[in-house]
Amino acid sequence: MTTDTGITTDLTPAEAARLLTAQEKGKQAAWLATRRKPSRILVRVSGWIGRRQRGLSDRVHAAADERARQHGWEITTSAGRFGFGARSYRDPRFRRRAEPEAGPDHPSATSRTEPSR
């Protein structure tokens, strides 16, 4: 006999206990399958791929990196698309404009008045 929820009501206590035990083992197996640590071979292969991607990225950006070093620019590496590295180049002289010096002689410190009409 089954109820409207699909649960059978004519199980003996021993059958119900076996069913619950099997269900619990199934939950544990599913949990282990999704939470298992990656195998050593997967760790080694992913490490090898990452090293190859970084090496390729360094070779691709080598000329631009050298040019930036000659000019004294800052080089910022970041993660790019598909795991290959990306670069940003910045001339540090532009920082001076972004951070004006505070003082009475500095042009940004003087008050500006709008011309009268």
PDB file of N, CA and C in Angstrom:
ATOM      1  N   MET A   1       0.841  -1.167   0.000  1.00  0.00           N
ATOM      2  CA  MET A   1       0.000   0.000   0.000  1.00  0.00           C
ATOM      3  C   MET A   1       0.894   1.241   0.000  1.00  0.00           C
ATOM      4  N   THR A   2       0.565   2.227  -0.853  1.00  0.00           N
ATOM      5  CA  THR A   2       1.335   3.465  -0.914  1.00  0.00           C
ATOM      6  C   THR A   2       0.436   4.648  -0.606  1.00  0.00           C
ATOM      7  N   THR A   3       1.030   5.668  -0.046  1.00  0.00           N
ATOM      8  CA  THR A   3       0.273   6.886   0.254  1.00  0.00           C
ATOM      9  C   THR A   3       0.346   7.824  -0.937  1.00  0.00           C
ATOM     10  N   ASP A   4      -0.313   8.954  -0.829  1.00  0.00           N
ATOM     11  CA  ASP A   4      -0.299   9.912  -1.934  1.00  0.00           C
ATOM     12  C   ASP A   4       1.076  10.528  -2.160  1.00  0.00           C
ATOM     13  N   THR A   5       1.995  10.410  -1.209  1.00  0.00           N
ATOM     14  CA  THR A   5       3.354  10.923  -1.383  1.00  0.00           C
ATOM     15  C   THR A   5       4.287   9.881  -1.972  1.00  0.00           C
ATOM     16  N   GLY A   6       3.800   8.659  -2.194  1.00  0.00           N
ATOM     17  CA  GLY A   6       4.609   7.607  -2.786  1.00  0.00           C
ATOM     18  C   GLY A   6       5.376   6.784  -1.773  1.00  0.00           C
ATOM     19  N   ILE A   7       5.150   6.968  -0.496  1.00  0.00           N
ATOM     20  CA  ILE A   7       5.840   6.208   0.542  1.00  0.00           C
ATOM     21  C   ILE A   7       5.010   4.970   0.839  1.00  0.00           C
ATOM     22  N   THR A   8       5.675   3.845   0.888  1.00  0.00           N
ATOM     23  CA  THR A   8       4.955   2.611   1.213  1.00  0.00           C
ATOM     24  C   THR A   8       4.730   2.529   2.704  1.00  0.00           C
ATOM     25  N   THR A   9       3.580   2.023   3.065  1.00  0.00           N
ATOM     26  CA  THR A   9       3.244   1.910   4.488  1.00  0.00           C
ATOM     27  C   THR A   9       3.284   0.467   4.981  1.00  0.00           C
ATOM     28  N   ASP A  10       3.493  -0.472   4.079  1.00  0.00           N
ATOM     29  CA  ASP A  10       3.460  -1.873   4.499  1.00  0.00           C
ATOM     30  C   ASP A  10       4.850  -2.468   4.681  1.00  0.00           C
ATOM     31  N   LEU A  11       5.839  -1.652   5.031  1.00  0.00           N
ATOM     32  CA  LEU A  11       7.182  -2.159   5.302  1.00  0.00           C
ATOM     33  C   LEU A  11       7.266  -2.636   6.742  1.00  0.00           C
ATOM     34  N   THR A  12       8.007  -3.690   6.917  1.00  0.00           N
ATOM     35  CA  THR A  12       8.278  -4.140   8.272  1.00  0.00           C
ATOM     36  C   THR A  12       9.361  -3.240   8.858  1.00  0.00           C
ATOM     37  N   PRO A  13       9.508  -3.204  10.160  1.00  0.00           N
ATOM     38  CA  PRO A  13      10.559  -2.374  10.759  1.00  0.00           C
ATOM     39  C   PRO A  13      11.954  -2.736  10.262  1.00  0.00           C
ATOM     40  N   ALA A  14      12.214  -4.014  10.011  1.00  0.00           N
ATOM     41  CA  ALA A  14      13.533  -4.426   9.524  1.00  0.00           C
ATOM     42  C   ALA A  14      13.758  -3.906   8.105  1.00  0.00           C
ATOM     43  N   GLU A  15      12.722  -3.974   7.260  1.00  0.00           N
ATOM     44  CA  GLU A  15      12.845  -3.475   5.886  1.00  0.00           C
ATOM     45  C   GLU A  15      13.040  -1.949   5.878  1.00  0.00           C
ATOM     46  N   ALA A  16      12.327  -1.285   6.750  1.00  0.00           N
ATOM     47  CA  ALA A  16      12.472   0.170   6.841  1.00  0.00           C
ATOM     48  C   ALA A  16      13.876   0.538   7.297  1.00  0.00           C
ATOM     49  N   ALA A  17      14.428  -0.206   8.228  1.00  0.00           N
ATOM     50  CA  ALA A  17      15.778   0.060   8.723  1.00  0.00           C
ATOM     51  C   ALA A  17      16.804  -0.156   7.615  1.00  0.00           C
ATOM     52  N   ARG A  18      16.637  -1.254   6.820  1.00  0.00           N
ATOM     53  CA  ARG A  18      17.555  -1.514   5.706  1.00  0.00           C
ATOM     54  C   ARG A  18      17.461  -0.411   4.657  1.00  0.00           C
ATOM     55  N   LEU A  19      16.245   0.037   4.385  1.00  0.00           N
ATOM     56  CA  LEU A  19      16.040   1.089   3.397  1.00  0.00           C
ATOM     57  C   LEU A  19      16.707   2.396   3.850  1.00  0.00           C
ATOM     58  N   LEU A  20      16.558   2.721   5.123  1.00  0.00           N
ATOM     59  CA  LEU A  20      17.184   3.931   5.644  1.00  0.00           C
ATOM     60  C   LEU A  20      18.715   3.834   5.619  1.00  0.00           C
ATOM     61  N   THR A  21      19.219   2.640   5.932  1.00  0.00           N
ATOM     62  CA  THR A  21      20.663   2.430   5.905  1.00  0.00           C
ATOM     63  C   THR A  21      21.194   2.575   4.486  1.00  0.00           C
ATOM     64  N   ALA A  22      20.502   1.987   3.512  1.00  0.00           N
ATOM     65  CA  ALA A  22      20.928   2.092   2.118  1.00  0.00           C
ATOM     66  C   ALA A  22      20.863   3.543   1.640  1.00  0.00           C
ATOM     67  N   GLN A  23      19.825   4.236   2.063  1.00  0.00           N
ATOM     68  CA  GLN A  23      19.689   5.639   1.677  1.00  0.00           C
ATOM     69  C   GLN A  23      20.830   6.465   2.261  1.00  0.00           C
ATOM     70  N   GLU A  24      21.180   6.208   3.509  1.00  0.00           N
ATOM     71  CA  GLU A  24      22.269   6.948   4.145  1.00  0.00           C
ATOM     72  C   GLU A  24      23.602   6.650   3.466  1.00  0.00           C
ATOM     73  N   LYS A  25      23.831   5.384   3.086  1.00  0.00           N
ATOM     74  CA  LYS A  25      25.064   5.023   2.372  1.00  0.00           C
ATOM     75  C   LYS A  25      25.111   5.714   1.018  1.00  0.00           C
ATOM     76  N   GLY A  26      23.962   5.816   0.363  1.00  0.00           N
ATOM     77  CA  GLY A  26      23.902   6.510  -0.925  1.00  0.00           C
ATOM     78  C   GLY A  26      24.238   7.978  -0.789  1.00  0.00           C
ATOM     79  N   LYS A  27      23.751   8.605   0.283  1.00  0.00           N
ATOM     80  CA  LYS A  27      24.066  10.014   0.530  1.00  0.00           C
ATOM     81  C   LYS A  27      25.562  10.189   0.776  1.00  0.00           C
ATOM     82  N   GLN A  28      26.143   9.279   1.555  1.00  0.00           N
ATOM     83  CA  GLN A  28      27.576   9.365   1.841  1.00  0.00           C
ATOM     84  C   GLN A  28      28.393   9.189   0.565  1.00  0.00           C
ATOM     85  N   ALA A  29      27.985   8.255  -0.287  1.00  0.00           N
ATOM     86  CA  ALA A  29      28.708   8.021  -1.534  1.00  0.00           C
ATOM     87  C   ALA A  29      28.620   9.247  -2.439  1.00  0.00           C
ATOM     88  N   ALA A  30      27.457   9.852  -2.512  1.00  0.00           N
ATOM     89  CA  ALA A  30      27.304  11.048  -3.332  1.00  0.00           C
ATOM     90  C   ALA A  30      28.147  12.189  -2.771  1.00  0.00           C
ATOM     91  N   TRP A  31      28.170  12.313  -1.457  1.00  0.00           N
ATOM     92  CA  TRP A  31      28.962  13.373  -0.839  1.00  0.00           C
ATOM     93  C   TRP A  31      30.445  13.157  -1.113  1.00  0.00           C
ATOM     94  N   LEU A  32      30.908  11.923  -0.975  1.00  0.00           N
ATOM     95  CA  LEU A  32      32.320  11.630  -1.225  1.00  0.00           C
ATOM     96  C   LEU A  32      32.692  11.864  -2.678  1.00  0.00           C
ATOM     97  N   ALA A  33      31.789  11.528  -3.578  1.00  0.00           N
ATOM     98  CA  ALA A  33      32.084  11.708  -5.001  1.00  0.00           C
ATOM     99  C   ALA A  33      32.238  13.172  -5.367  1.00  0.00           C
ATOM    100  N   THR A  34      31.502  14.034  -4.707  1.00  0.00           N
ATOM    101  CA  THR A  34      31.585  15.454  -5.041  1.00  0.00           C
ATOM    102  C   THR A  34      32.595  16.202  -4.197  1.00  0.00           C
ATOM    103  N   ARG A  35      32.991  15.675  -3.069  1.00  0.00           N
ATOM    104  CA  ARG A  35      33.894  16.385  -2.163  1.00  0.00           C
ATOM    105  C   ARG A  35      35.298  15.795  -2.113  1.00  0.00           C
ATOM    106  N   ARG A  36      35.569  14.805  -2.899  1.00  0.00           N
ATOM    107  CA  ARG A  36      36.862  14.134  -2.852  1.00  0.00           C
ATOM    108  C   ARG A  36      37.979  15.066  -3.307  1.00  0.00           C
ATOM    109  N   LYS A  37      39.134  14.944  -2.693  1.00  0.00           N
ATOM    110  CA  LYS A  37      40.292  15.714  -3.113  1.00  0.00           C
ATOM    111  C   LYS A  37      40.682  15.284  -4.525  1.00  0.00           C
ATOM    112  N   PRO A  38      41.205  16.212  -5.327  1.00  0.00           N
ATOM    113  CA  PRO A  38      41.636  15.819  -6.668  1.00  0.00           C
ATOM    114  C   PRO A  38      42.817  14.855  -6.575  1.00  0.00           C
ATOM    115  N   SER A  39      42.890  13.942  -7.493  1.00  0.00           N
ATOM    116  CA  SER A  39      43.974  12.955  -7.464  1.00  0.00           C
ATOM    117  C   SER A  39      45.298  13.642  -7.775  1.00  0.00           C
ATOM    118  N   ARG A  40      46.363  12.958  -7.446  1.00  0.00           N
ATOM    119  CA  ARG A  40      47.692  13.537  -7.647  1.00  0.00           C
ATOM    120  C   ARG A  40      47.966  13.813  -9.115  1.00  0.00           C
ATOM    121  N   ILE A  41      47.488  12.957  -9.996  1.00  0.00           N
ATOM    122  CA  ILE A  41      47.748  13.160 -11.424  1.00  0.00           C
ATOM    123  C   ILE A  41      47.044  14.424 -11.917  1.00  0.00           C
ATOM    124  N   LEU A  42      45.832  14.676 -11.424  1.00  0.00           N
ATOM    125  CA  LEU A  42      45.121  15.896 -11.828  1.00  0.00           C
ATOM    126  C   LEU A  42      45.846  17.138 -11.333  1.00  0.00           C
ATOM    127  N   VAL A  43      46.367  17.078 -10.122  1.00  0.00           N
ATOM    128  CA  VAL A  43      47.109  18.212  -9.572  1.00  0.00           C
ATOM    129  C   VAL A  43      48.370  18.449 -10.394  1.00  0.00           C
ATOM    130  N   ARG A  44      49.056  17.384 -10.754  1.00  0.00           N
ATOM    131  CA  ARG A  44      50.283  17.524 -11.535  1.00  0.00           C
ATOM    132  C   ARG A  44      50.008  18.062 -12.930  1.00  0.00           C
ATOM    133  N   VAL A  45      48.956  17.560 -13.576  1.00  0.00           N
ATOM    134  CA  VAL A  45      48.629  18.012 -14.932  1.00  0.00           C
ATOM    135  C   VAL A  45      48.189  19.470 -14.919  1.00  0.00           C
ATOM    136  N   SER A  46      47.353  19.851 -13.967  1.00  0.00           N
ATOM    137  CA  SER A  46      46.906  21.244 -13.922  1.00  0.00           C
ATOM    138  C   SER A  46      48.074  22.175 -13.602  1.00  0.00           C
ATOM    139  N   GLY A  47      49.000  21.745 -12.757  1.00  0.00           N
ATOM    140  CA  GLY A  47      50.197  22.541 -12.481  1.00  0.00           C
ATOM    141  C   GLY A  47      51.065  22.704 -13.715  1.00  0.00           C
ATOM    142  N   TRP A  48      51.215  21.623 -14.468  1.00  0.00           N
ATOM    143  CA  TRP A  48      52.010  21.661 -15.697  1.00  0.00           C
ATOM    144  C   TRP A  48      51.381  22.618 -16.709  1.00  0.00           C
ATOM    145  N   ILE A  49      50.066  22.557 -16.865  1.00  0.00           N
ATOM    146  CA  ILE A  49      49.375  23.446 -17.806  1.00  0.00           C
ATOM    147  C   ILE A  49      49.532  24.900 -17.369  1.00  0.00           C
ATOM    148  N   GLY A  50      49.381  25.164 -16.077  1.00  0.00           N
ATOM    149  CA  GLY A  50      49.545  26.527 -15.573  1.00  0.00           C
ATOM    150  C   GLY A  50      50.935  27.079 -15.824  1.00  0.00           C
ATOM    151  N   ARG A  51      51.956  26.240 -15.607  1.00  0.00           N
ATOM    152  CA  ARG A  51      53.331  26.690 -15.857  1.00  0.00           C
ATOM    153  C   ARG A  51      53.543  26.986 -17.334  1.00  0.00           C
ATOM    154  N   ARG A  52      52.988  26.154 -18.206  1.00  0.00           N
ATOM    155  CA  ARG A  52      53.123  26.379 -19.652  1.00  0.00           C
ATOM    156  C   ARG A  52      52.408  27.662 -20.075  1.00  0.00           C
ATOM    157  N   GLN A  53      51.243  27.923 -19.506  1.00  0.00           N
ATOM    158  CA  GLN A  53      50.510  29.146 -19.834  1.00  0.00           C
ATOM    159  C   GLN A  53      51.280  30.387 -19.386  1.00  0.00           C
ATOM    160  N   ARG A  54      51.849  30.349 -18.173  1.00  0.00           N
ATOM    161  CA  ARG A  54      52.627  31.490 -17.688  1.00  0.00           C
ATOM    162  C   ARG A  54      53.870  31.702 -18.543  1.00  0.00           C
ATOM    163  N   GLY A  55      54.537  30.607 -18.920  1.00  0.00           N
ATOM    164  CA  GLY A  55      55.726  30.725 -19.772  1.00  0.00           C
ATOM    165  C   GLY A  55      55.393  31.322 -21.127  1.00  0.00           C
ATOM    166  N   LEU A  56      54.302  30.871 -21.724  1.00  0.00           N
ATOM    167  CA  LEU A  56      53.884  31.404 -23.016  1.00  0.00           C
ATOM    168  C   LEU A  56      53.521  32.879 -22.892  1.00  0.00           C
ATOM    169  N   SER A  57      52.817  33.227 -21.841  1.00  0.00           N
ATOM    170  CA  SER A  57      52.438  34.622 -21.620  1.00  0.00           C
ATOM    171  C   SER A  57      53.674  35.494 -21.437  1.00  0.00           C
ATOM    172  N   ASP A  58      54.652  35.020 -20.687  1.00  0.00           N
ATOM    173  CA  ASP A  58      55.890  35.781 -20.491  1.00  0.00           C
ATOM    174  C   ASP A  58      56.613  35.998 -21.819  1.00  0.00           C
ATOM    175  N   ARG A  59      56.635  34.978 -22.686  1.00  0.00           N
ATOM    176  CA  ARG A  59      57.284  35.123 -23.997  1.00  0.00           C
ATOM    177  C   ARG A  59      56.527  36.093 -24.886  1.00  0.00           C
ATOM    178  N   VAL A  60      55.206  36.048 -24.853  1.00  0.00           N
ATOM    179  CA  VAL A  60      54.400  36.936 -25.689  1.00  0.00           C
ATOM    180  C   VAL A  60      54.584  38.390 -25.265  1.00  0.00           C
ATOM    181  N   HIS A  61      54.658  38.654 -23.966  1.00  0.00           N
ATOM    182  CA  HIS A  61      54.756  40.018 -23.456  1.00  0.00           C
ATOM    183  C   HIS A  61      56.194  40.482 -23.237  1.00  0.00           C
ATOM    184  N   ALA A  62      57.185  39.688 -23.602  1.00  0.00           N
ATOM    185  CA  ALA A  62      58.581  40.013 -23.292  1.00  0.00           C
ATOM    186  C   ALA A  62      59.024  41.336 -23.909  1.00  0.00           C
ATOM    187  N   ALA A  63      58.701  41.586 -25.163  1.00  0.00           N
ATOM    188  CA  ALA A  63      59.141  42.820 -25.828  1.00  0.00           C
ATOM    189  C   ALA A  63      58.496  44.043 -25.180  1.00  0.00           C
ATOM    190  N   ALA A  64      57.202  43.981 -24.914  1.00  0.00           N
ATOM    191  CA  ALA A  64      56.517  45.113 -24.290  1.00  0.00           C
ATOM    192  C   ALA A  64      57.011  45.325 -22.866  1.00  0.00           C
ATOM    193  N   ASP A  65      57.288  44.248 -22.144  1.00  0.00           N
ATOM    194  CA  ASP A  65      57.816  44.371 -20.780  1.00  0.00           C
ATOM    195  C   ASP A  65      59.177  45.069 -20.795  1.00  0.00           C
ATOM    196  N   GLU A  66      60.026  44.693 -21.748  1.00  0.00           N
ATOM    197  CA  GLU A  66      61.354  45.295 -21.838  1.00  0.00           C
ATOM    198  C   GLU A  66      61.252  46.781 -22.172  1.00  0.00           C
ATOM    199  N   ARG A  67      60.380  47.129 -23.096  1.00  0.00           N
ATOM    200  CA  ARG A  67      60.166  48.527 -23.457  1.00  0.00           C
ATOM    201  C   ARG A  67      59.656  49.329 -22.248  1.00  0.00           C
ATOM    202  N   ALA A  68      58.750  48.741 -21.487  1.00  0.00           N
ATOM    203  CA  ALA A  68      58.215  49.415 -20.302  1.00  0.00           C
ATOM    204  C   ALA A  68      59.303  49.608 -19.254  1.00  0.00           C
ATOM    205  N   ARG A  69      60.176  48.617 -19.074  1.00  0.00           N
ATOM    206  CA  ARG A  69      61.277  48.756 -18.113  1.00  0.00           C
ATOM    207  C   ARG A  69      62.244  49.865 -18.535  1.00  0.00           C
ATOM    208  N   GLN A  70      62.509  49.962 -19.854  1.00  0.00           N
ATOM    209  CA  GLN A  70      63.405  51.010 -20.338  1.00  0.00           C
ATOM    210  C   GLN A  70      62.853  52.400 -20.042  1.00  0.00           C
ATOM    211  N   HIS A  71      61.538  52.547 -20.096  1.00  0.00           N
ATOM    212  CA  HIS A  71      60.909  53.838 -19.843  1.00  0.00           C
ATOM    213  C   HIS A  71      60.600  54.055 -18.364  1.00  0.00           C
ATOM    214  N   GLY A  72      60.850  53.045 -17.527  1.00  0.00           N
ATOM    215  CA  GLY A  72      60.608  53.175 -16.094  1.00  0.00           C
ATOM    216  C   GLY A  72      59.142  53.043 -15.714  1.00  0.00           C
ATOM    217  N   TRP A  73      58.366  52.360 -16.525  1.00  0.00           N
ATOM    218  CA  TRP A  73      56.942  52.205 -16.257  1.00  0.00           C
ATOM    219  C   TRP A  73      56.702  51.073 -15.277  1.00  0.00           C
ATOM    220  N   GLU A  74      55.548  51.122 -14.628  1.00  0.00           N
ATOM    221  CA  GLU A  74      55.130  50.046 -13.730  1.00  0.00           C
ATOM    222  C   GLU A  74      54.451  48.965 -14.563  1.00  0.00           C
ATOM    223  N   ILE A  75      54.773  47.712 -14.284  1.00  0.00           N
ATOM    224  CA  ILE A  75      54.172  46.579 -14.986  1.00  0.00           C
ATOM    225  C   ILE A  75      53.333  45.811 -13.986  1.00  0.00           C
ATOM    226  N   THR A  76      52.060  45.655 -14.295  1.00  0.00           N
ATOM    227  CA  THR A  76      51.155  44.912 -13.428  1.00  0.00           C
ATOM    228  C   THR A  76      50.672  43.688 -14.182  1.00  0.00           C
ATOM    229  N   THR A  77      50.911  42.513 -13.609  1.00  0.00           N
ATOM    230  CA  THR A  77      50.423  41.288 -14.238  1.00  0.00           C
ATOM    231  C   THR A  77      49.119  40.886 -13.568  1.00  0.00           C
ATOM    232  N   SER A  78      48.222  40.337 -14.357  1.00  0.00           N
ATOM    233  CA  SER A  78      46.944  39.871 -13.827  1.00  0.00           C
ATOM    234  C   SER A  78      46.506  38.655 -14.628  1.00  0.00           C
ATOM    235  N   ALA A  79      45.470  38.001 -14.152  1.00  0.00           N
ATOM    236  CA  ALA A  79      44.931  36.841 -14.861  1.00  0.00           C
ATOM    237  C   ALA A  79      44.111  37.338 -16.041  1.00  0.00           C
ATOM    238  N   GLY A  80      44.406  36.826 -17.184  1.00  0.00           N
ATOM    239  CA  GLY A  80      43.659  37.206 -18.376  1.00  0.00           C
ATOM    240  C   GLY A  80      42.667  36.117 -18.742  1.00  0.00           C
ATOM    241  N   ARG A  81      42.219  36.146 -19.958  1.00  0.00           N
ATOM    242  CA  ARG A  81      41.265  35.142 -20.421  1.00  0.00           C
ATOM    243  C   ARG A  81      41.927  33.781 -20.591  1.00  0.00           C
ATOM    244  N   PHE A  82      41.188  32.767 -20.303  1.00  0.00           N
ATOM    245  CA  PHE A  82      41.604  31.375 -20.493  1.00  0.00           C
ATOM    246  C   PHE A  82      42.861  31.019 -19.718  1.00  0.00           C
ATOM    247  N   GLY A  83      43.164  31.748 -18.647  1.00  0.00           N
ATOM    248  CA  GLY A  83      44.311  31.439 -17.814  1.00  0.00           C
ATOM    249  C   GLY A  83      45.612  32.045 -18.264  1.00  0.00           C
ATOM    250  N   PHE A  84      45.639  32.702 -19.424  1.00  0.00           N
ATOM    251  CA  PHE A  84      46.861  33.350 -19.875  1.00  0.00           C
ATOM    252  C   PHE A  84      46.976  34.693 -19.184  1.00  0.00           C
ATOM    253  N   GLY A  85      48.201  35.101 -18.889  1.00  0.00           N
ATOM    254  CA  GLY A  85      48.415  36.334 -18.157  1.00  0.00           C
ATOM    255  C   GLY A  85      48.151  37.572 -19.005  1.00  0.00           C
ATOM    256  N   ALA A  86      47.757  38.640 -18.353  1.00  0.00           N
ATOM    257  CA  ALA A  86      47.561  39.934 -19.003  1.00  0.00           C
ATOM    258  C   ALA A  86      48.491  40.933 -18.333  1.00  0.00           C
ATOM    259  N   ARG A  87      48.813  41.992 -19.035  1.00  0.00           N
ATOM    260  CA  ARG A  87      49.714  43.011 -18.507  1.00  0.00           C
ATOM    261  C   ARG A  87      49.053  44.386 -18.603  1.00  0.00           C
ATOM    262  N   SER A  88      49.386  45.235 -17.631  1.00  0.00           N
ATOM    263  CA  SER A  88      49.013  46.649 -17.669  1.00  0.00           C
ATOM    264  C   SER A  88      50.296  47.428 -17.475  1.00  0.00           C
ATOM    265  N   TYR A  89      50.447  48.485 -18.252  1.00  0.00           N
ATOM    266  CA  TYR A  89      51.639  49.315 -18.163  1.00  0.00           C
ATOM    267  C   TYR A  89      51.201  50.717 -17.752  1.00  0.00           C
ATOM    268  N   ARG A  90      51.964  51.317 -16.821  1.00  0.00           N
ATOM    269  CA  ARG A  90      51.589  52.634 -16.330  1.00  0.00           C
ATOM    270  C   ARG A  90      52.835  53.474 -16.111  1.00  0.00           C
ATOM    271  N   ASP A  91      52.774  54.685 -16.638  1.00  0.00           N
ATOM    272  CA  ASP A  91      53.864  55.632 -16.425  1.00  0.00           C
ATOM    273  C   ASP A  91      53.655  56.277 -15.053  1.00  0.00           C
ATOM    274  N   PRO A  92      54.603  56.136 -14.125  1.00  0.00           N
ATOM    275  CA  PRO A  92      54.397  56.660 -12.771  1.00  0.00           C
ATOM    276  C   PRO A  92      54.308  58.185 -12.713  1.00  0.00           C
ATOM    277  N   ARG A  93      54.732  58.892 -13.769  1.00  0.00           N
ATOM    278  CA  ARG A  93      54.634  60.350 -13.762  1.00  0.00           C
ATOM    279  C   ARG A  93      53.180  60.814 -13.719  1.00  0.00           C
ATOM    280  N   PHE A  94      52.258  60.002 -14.207  1.00  0.00           N
ATOM    281  CA  PHE A  94      50.857  60.393 -14.196  1.00  0.00           C
ATOM    282  C   PHE A  94      50.271  60.362 -12.790  1.00  0.00           C
ATOM    283  N   ARG A  95      50.908  59.699 -11.873  1.00  0.00           N
ATOM    284  CA  ARG A  95      50.438  59.648 -10.496  1.00  0.00           C
ATOM    285  C   ARG A  95      50.517  61.042  -9.862  1.00  0.00           C
ATOM    286  N   ARG A  96      51.512  61.824 -10.250  1.00  0.00           N
ATOM    287  CA  ARG A  96      51.679  63.153  -9.671  1.00  0.00           C
ATOM    288  C   ARG A  96      50.455  64.029  -9.929  1.00  0.00           C
ATOM    289  N   ARG A  97      49.864  63.910 -11.085  1.00  0.00           N
ATOM    290  CA  ARG A  97      48.669  64.683 -11.379  1.00  0.00           C
ATOM    291  C   ARG A  97      47.486  64.215 -10.553  1.00  0.00           C
ATOM    292  N   ALA A  98      47.395  62.945 -10.325  1.00  0.00           N
ATOM    293  CA  ALA A  98      46.267  62.402  -9.573  1.00  0.00           C
ATOM    294  C   ALA A  98      46.370  62.755  -8.093  1.00  0.00           C
ATOM    295  N   GLU A  99      47.587  62.948  -7.589  1.00  0.00           N
ATOM    296  CA  GLU A  99      47.805  63.271  -6.184  1.00  0.00           C
ATOM    297  C   GLU A  99      48.475  64.642  -6.084  1.00  0.00           C
ATOM    298  N   PRO A 100      47.701  65.734  -6.189  1.00  0.00           N
ATOM    299  CA  PRO A 100      48.328  67.057  -6.159  1.00  0.00           C
ATOM    300  C   PRO A 100      48.910  67.362  -4.783  1.00  0.00           C
ATOM    301  N   GLU A 101      49.958  68.115  -4.791  1.00  0.00           N
ATOM    302  CA  GLU A 101      50.582  68.520  -3.535  1.00  0.00           C
ATOM    303  C   GLU A 101      49.730  69.609  -2.901  1.00  0.00           C
ATOM    304  N   ALA A 102      49.512  69.502  -1.621  1.00  0.00           N
ATOM    305  CA  ALA A 102      48.737  70.516  -0.917  1.00  0.00           C
ATOM    306  C   ALA A 102      49.670  71.633  -0.483  1.00  0.00           C
ATOM    307  N   GLY A 103      49.355  72.830  -0.854  1.00  0.00           N
ATOM    308  CA  GLY A 103      50.172  73.981  -0.475  1.00  0.00           C
ATOM    309  C   GLY A 103      49.581  75.234  -1.084  1.00  0.00           C
ATOM    310  N   PRO A 104      49.926  76.403  -0.524  1.00  0.00           N
ATOM    311  CA  PRO A 104      49.330  77.643  -1.026  1.00  0.00           C
ATOM    312  C   PRO A 104      49.801  78.006  -2.432  1.00  0.00           C
ATOM    313  N   ASP A 105      50.983  77.514  -2.844  1.00  0.00           N
ATOM    314  CA  ASP A 105      51.501  77.862  -4.163  1.00  0.00           C
ATOM    315  C   ASP A 105      50.996  76.933  -5.258  1.00  0.00           C
ATOM    316  N   HIS A 106      50.371  75.856  -4.885  1.00  0.00           N
ATOM    317  CA  HIS A 106      49.906  74.877  -5.879  1.00  0.00           C
ATOM    318  C   HIS A 106      48.649  75.399  -6.570  1.00  0.00           C
ATOM    319  N   PRO A 107      48.552  75.276  -7.892  1.00  0.00           N
ATOM    320  CA  PRO A 107      47.394  75.817  -8.614  1.00  0.00           C
ATOM    321  C   PRO A 107      46.051  75.271  -8.141  1.00  0.00           C
ATOM    322  N   SER A 108      46.007  74.030  -7.680  1.00  0.00           N
ATOM    323  CA  SER A 108      44.722  73.478  -7.254  1.00  0.00           C
ATOM    324  C   SER A 108      44.292  74.024  -5.900  1.00  0.00           C
ATOM    325  N   ALA A 109      45.233  74.636  -5.159  1.00  0.00           N
ATOM    326  CA  ALA A 109      44.911  75.156  -3.842  1.00  0.00           C
ATOM    327  C   ALA A 109      44.257  76.537  -3.922  1.00  0.00           C
ATOM    328  N   THR A 110      44.451  77.244  -5.023  1.00  0.00           N
ATOM    329  CA  THR A 110      43.859  78.573  -5.145  1.00  0.00           C
ATOM    330  C   THR A 110      42.389  78.445  -5.455  1.00  0.00           C
ATOM    331  N   SER A 111      41.623  79.387  -4.940  1.00  0.00           N
ATOM    332  CA  SER A 111      40.174  79.332  -5.193  1.00  0.00           C
ATOM    333  C   SER A 111      39.889  79.885  -6.582  1.00  0.00           C
ATOM    334  N   ARG A 112      38.959  79.285  -7.225  1.00  0.00           N
ATOM    335  CA  ARG A 112      38.598  79.728  -8.565  1.00  0.00           C
ATOM    336  C   ARG A 112      37.263  80.435  -8.489  1.00  0.00           C
ATOM    337  N   THR A 113      37.196  81.542  -9.095  1.00  0.00           N
ATOM    338  CA  THR A 113      35.932  82.269  -9.135  1.00  0.00           C
ATOM    339  C   THR A 113      35.436  82.269 -10.564  1.00  0.00           C
ATOM    340  N   GLU A 114      34.142  82.212 -10.683  1.00  0.00           N
ATOM    341  CA  GLU A 114      33.572  82.233 -12.023  1.00  0.00           C
ATOM    342  C   GLU A 114      33.548  83.673 -12.532  1.00  0.00           C
ATOM    343  N   PRO A 115      33.806  83.855 -13.793  1.00  0.00           N
ATOM    344  CA  PRO A 115      33.779  85.222 -14.327  1.00  0.00           C
ATOM    345  C   PRO A 115      32.369  85.795 -14.243  1.00  0.00           C
ATOM    346  N   SER A 116      32.286  87.063 -13.944  1.00  0.00           N
ATOM    347  CA  SER A 116      30.978  87.688 -13.848  1.00  0.00           C
ATOM    348  C   SER A 116      30.451  87.995 -15.249  1.00  0.00           C
ATOM    349  N   ARG A 117      29.147  88.047 -15.361  1.00  0.00           N
ATOM    350  CA  ARG A 117      28.538  88.257 -16.673  1.00  0.00           C
ATOM    351  C   ARG A 117      28.299  89.679 -16.978  1.00  0.00           C
TER     352      ARG A 117
END
